[in-house]
């Protein structure tokens, strides 16, 4: 018997981030003292 292979789900589509969101994310990295990776994890996006 063949092992069952699960299909991977595509990630849900999201609208591109607007300029204001990007500026706020960068400001958060600069002012919070956190690394870029920490802020990315907290915001749930990718770097």
C-alpha atoms as a PDB file:
ATOM      1  CA  UNK A   1       0.000   0.000   0.000  1.00  0.00           C
ATOM      2  CA  UNK A   2       1.101   3.548  -0.721  1.00  0.00           C
ATOM      3  CA  UNK A   3       1.500   5.842   2.238  1.00  0.00           C
ATOM      4  CA  UNK A   4      -1.093   8.576   2.261  1.00  0.00           C
ATOM      5  CA  UNK A   5       0.244  11.947   1.329  1.00  0.00           C
ATOM      6  CA  UNK A   6      -1.384  15.013   2.709  1.00  0.00           C
ATOM      7  CA  UNK A   7      -1.637  18.007   0.442  1.00  0.00           C
ATOM      8  CA  UNK A   8      -0.131  21.174   1.797  1.00  0.00           C
ATOM      9  CA  UNK A   9      -2.531  24.062   2.091  1.00  0.00           C
ATOM     10  CA  UNK A  10      -1.608  27.304   0.420  1.00  0.00           C
ATOM     11  CA  UNK A  11      -1.203  30.200   2.809  1.00  0.00           C
ATOM     12  CA  UNK A  12      -4.179  32.517   2.901  1.00  0.00           C
ATOM     13  CA  UNK A  13      -3.852  35.518   0.614  1.00  0.00           C
ATOM     14  CA  UNK A  14      -3.446  38.886   2.259  1.00  0.00           C
ATOM     15  CA  UNK A  15      -3.368  42.367   0.830  1.00  0.00           C
ATOM     16  CA  UNK A  16       0.080  43.892   0.524  1.00  0.00           C
ATOM     17  CA  UNK A  17       1.030  46.003   3.509  1.00  0.00           C
ATOM     18  CA  UNK A  18       0.453  49.712   2.959  1.00  0.00           C
ATOM     19  CA  UNK A  19       3.182  52.309   3.413  1.00  0.00           C
ATOM     20  CA  UNK A  20       1.864  53.478   6.804  1.00  0.00           C
ATOM     21  CA  UNK A  21       1.985  49.934   8.217  1.00  0.00           C
ATOM     22  CA  UNK A  22       5.537  49.514   6.964  1.00  0.00           C
ATOM     23  CA  UNK A  23       6.622  52.820   8.515  1.00  0.00           C
ATOM     24  CA  UNK A  24       5.078  51.875  11.844  1.00  0.00           C
ATOM     25  CA  UNK A  25       6.790  48.481  11.791  1.00  0.00           C
ATOM     26  CA  UNK A  26      10.186  50.071  11.148  1.00  0.00           C
ATOM     27  CA  UNK A  27       9.547  52.656  13.864  1.00  0.00           C
ATOM     28  CA  UNK A  28       8.685  49.846  16.272  1.00  0.00           C
ATOM     29  CA  UNK A  29      12.037  48.156  15.581  1.00  0.00           C
ATOM     30  CA  UNK A  30      13.919  51.421  16.071  1.00  0.00           C
ATOM     31  CA  UNK A  31      12.158  52.576  19.245  1.00  0.00           C
ATOM     32  CA  UNK A  32      11.453  49.290  21.017  1.00  0.00           C
ATOM     33  CA  UNK A  33      15.007  48.009  21.256  1.00  0.00           C
ATOM     34  CA  UNK A  34      13.815  44.668  19.887  1.00  0.00           C
ATOM     35  CA  UNK A  35      15.395  42.919  16.943  1.00  0.00           C
ATOM     36  CA  UNK A  36      13.729  42.884  13.554  1.00  0.00           C
ATOM     37  CA  UNK A  37      13.064  39.147  13.988  1.00  0.00           C
ATOM     38  CA  UNK A  38      11.279  39.717  17.309  1.00  0.00           C
ATOM     39  CA  UNK A  39       9.027  42.407  15.851  1.00  0.00           C
ATOM     40  CA  UNK A  40       8.261  40.255  12.791  1.00  0.00           C
ATOM     41  CA  UNK A  41       7.171  37.386  15.048  1.00  0.00           C
ATOM     42  CA  UNK A  42       5.007  39.684  17.139  1.00  0.00           C
ATOM     43  CA  UNK A  43       3.346  41.214  14.082  1.00  0.00           C
ATOM     44  CA  UNK A  44       2.878  37.847  12.400  1.00  0.00           C
ATOM     45  CA  UNK A  45       4.451  38.826   9.100  1.00  0.00           C
ATOM     46  CA  UNK A  46       7.670  38.012   7.287  1.00  0.00           C
ATOM     47  CA  UNK A  47      10.820  40.059   6.979  1.00  0.00           C
END
